[in-house]
Amino acid sequence: MKVHLRRVTGFRKTEIARYAQASLLPGSEVVSDGLYCFAGVTARCKHVPLIAGSGRQAAQHPAFKWVNTLLGNIKNALLGNFHAIRGKHVPRYLAKFEYRFNRRFDLPAMIERLTFVALRTPPMPYRLLTIAEV
């Protein structure tokens, strides 16, 4: 299981359609809880809405077990690592979690991969490093 985390500006059909266009392969099957905005993926993917209701029983629905576990892990990782969550840094926070999660079964190779990427990454001027702070 891999995760792809991106920030969207809201739960609107146009935002979900934009995300689907940029991130999902054509013909992918998207399972959702039936929220109206997820109909935005239908132009590119097959949408399977599962209406589970609300409350504890809906959260324990087998189809959403791993989604709810993942959301809990993301929340705990962010709150456990950072004293404050700033909107301008959310893409970086999510990218860090995504990188670690997608490589969680090969931890010894993580340092080697990180070194490989670091050696091939060109220097970045300070103004580009701090661009999110503007």
Protein backbone atom coordinates (compact mmCIF):
# COMPACT_ATOMS: atom_id res chain seq x y z
CA MET A 1 0.00 0.00 0.00
CA LYS A 2 1.34 3.42 -1.00
CA VAL A 3 0.03 6.83 -0.08
CA HIS A 4 -0.09 10.01 -2.17
CA LEU A 5 -0.73 13.09 -0.03
CA ARG A 6 -1.51 16.48 -1.53
CA ARG A 7 -3.24 19.52 -0.08
CA VAL A 8 -6.48 20.62 -1.73
CA THR A 9 -8.10 23.98 -1.06
CA GLY A 10 -11.42 22.40 -0.14
CA PHE A 11 -13.82 19.54 -0.63
CA ARG A 12 -15.23 20.80 -3.91
CA LYS A 13 -15.86 18.84 -7.06
CA THR A 14 -13.51 21.07 -9.10
CA GLU A 15 -10.66 20.60 -6.61
CA ILE A 16 -11.04 16.82 -6.57
CA ALA A 17 -11.21 16.78 -10.38
CA ARG A 18 -7.97 18.82 -10.51
CA TYR A 19 -6.29 16.38 -8.12
CA ALA A 20 -7.53 13.38 -10.11
CA GLN A 21 -6.24 14.87 -13.37
CA ALA A 22 -2.80 15.49 -11.90
CA SER A 23 -2.38 12.40 -9.75
CA LEU A 24 -4.54 9.42 -10.77
CA LEU A 25 -4.03 7.10 -13.69
CA PRO A 26 -6.91 6.88 -16.18
CA GLY A 27 -9.14 3.94 -15.36
CA SER A 28 -8.21 3.83 -11.67
CA GLU A 29 -10.90 2.76 -9.24
CA VAL A 30 -11.61 5.34 -6.54
CA VAL A 31 -13.56 4.24 -3.48
CA SER A 32 -15.05 7.06 -1.42
CA ASP A 33 -17.58 7.60 1.34
CA GLY A 34 -20.01 9.10 -1.18
CA LEU A 35 -19.29 12.75 -0.44
CA TYR A 36 -20.53 14.79 -3.41
CA CYS A 37 -17.14 16.28 -4.25
CA PHE A 38 -15.66 12.85 -5.08
CA ALA A 39 -17.84 12.73 -8.18
CA GLY A 40 -15.09 14.94 -9.65
CA VAL A 41 -12.95 11.87 -10.33
CA THR A 42 -15.48 10.31 -12.73
CA ALA A 43 -14.05 12.04 -15.82
CA ARG A 44 -10.83 10.07 -15.44
CA CYS A 45 -11.57 7.17 -13.10
CA LYS A 46 -14.26 4.79 -11.96
CA HIS A 47 -15.92 6.09 -8.78
CA VAL A 48 -17.32 3.58 -6.29
CA PRO A 49 -19.21 5.37 -3.49
CA LEU A 50 -19.71 3.37 -0.28
CA ILE A 51 -22.32 5.01 1.90
CA ALA A 52 -21.46 3.84 5.41
CA GLY A 53 -23.39 6.41 7.42
CA SER A 54 -21.73 8.26 10.27
CA GLY A 55 -20.38 7.70 13.73
CA ARG A 56 -18.30 4.85 15.15
CA GLN A 57 -19.98 2.13 13.06
CA ALA A 58 -19.16 3.94 9.81
CA ALA A 59 -15.54 4.50 10.90
CA GLN A 60 -15.14 0.77 11.49
CA HIS A 61 -16.43 -0.17 8.03
CA PRO A 62 -13.90 -2.69 6.59
CA ALA A 63 -13.44 -0.70 3.37
CA PHE A 64 -12.29 2.37 5.31
CA LYS A 65 -10.23 0.67 8.03
CA TRP A 66 -6.85 1.48 6.51
CA VAL A 67 -7.89 4.97 5.47
CA ASN A 68 -8.93 5.81 9.04
CA THR A 69 -5.75 4.21 10.43
CA LEU A 70 -3.63 6.21 7.98
CA LEU A 71 -5.38 9.48 8.83
CA GLY A 72 -4.79 8.82 12.52
CA ASN A 73 -1.11 8.08 11.86
CA ILE A 74 -0.71 11.28 9.83
CA LYS A 75 -2.34 13.34 12.58
CA ASN A 76 -0.16 11.81 15.30
CA ALA A 77 3.00 12.16 13.21
CA LEU A 78 2.35 15.84 12.55
CA LEU A 79 1.36 16.71 16.10
CA GLY A 80 4.19 14.63 17.56
CA ASN A 81 6.91 16.17 15.38
CA PHE A 82 5.93 19.82 15.14
CA HIS A 83 5.06 22.32 17.85
CA ALA A 84 2.78 24.24 15.51
CA ILE A 85 1.27 23.45 12.14
CA ARG A 86 1.47 26.33 9.67
CA GLY A 87 -0.54 26.27 6.46
CA LYS A 88 2.39 27.41 4.33
CA HIS A 89 4.38 24.34 5.39
CA VAL A 90 1.64 21.71 5.04
CA PRO A 91 2.91 20.43 1.64
CA ARG A 92 6.34 19.82 3.20
CA TYR A 93 4.84 18.06 6.23
CA LEU A 94 2.77 15.81 3.99
CA ALA A 95 5.72 15.10 1.69
CA LYS A 96 7.83 14.03 4.66
CA PHE A 97 5.14 11.67 5.92
CA GLU A 98 4.52 10.30 2.41
CA TYR A 99 8.23 9.62 1.84
CA ARG A 100 8.65 7.78 5.14
CA PHE A 101 5.39 5.84 4.82
CA ASN A 102 6.04 4.65 1.27
CA ARG A 103 9.49 3.37 2.28
CA ARG A 104 8.62 1.98 5.70
CA PHE A 105 9.44 -1.64 4.88
CA ASP A 106 12.98 -0.92 3.69
CA LEU A 107 14.36 1.28 6.47
CA PRO A 108 18.06 0.32 6.06
CA ALA A 109 17.99 1.51 2.45
CA MET A 110 16.43 4.87 3.37
CA ILE A 111 19.76 6.49 4.31
CA GLU A 112 21.40 5.18 1.14
CA ARG A 113 18.53 6.51 -1.00
CA LEU A 114 18.57 9.85 0.77
CA THR A 115 22.33 10.16 0.24
CA PHE A 116 21.95 9.20 -3.44
CA VAL A 117 19.33 11.91 -3.98
CA ALA A 118 21.25 14.51 -1.93
CA LEU A 119 24.39 14.03 -4.00
CA ARG A 120 22.48 14.54 -7.23
CA THR A 121 20.46 17.55 -6.10
CA PRO A 122 21.92 20.88 -7.22
CA PRO A 123 22.52 23.63 -4.64
CA MET A 124 19.46 25.73 -3.88
CA PRO A 125 19.71 29.45 -3.11
CA TYR A 126 18.45 30.57 0.30
CA ARG A 127 15.69 32.67 -1.31
CA LEU A 128 14.19 29.50 -2.81
CA LEU A 129 14.44 27.61 0.48
CA THR A 130 12.47 30.33 2.25
CA ILE A 131 9.91 30.97 -0.50
CA ALA A 132 7.12 29.34 1.52
CA GLU A 133 7.62 31.93 4.26
CA VAL A 134 6.69 34.86 2.03
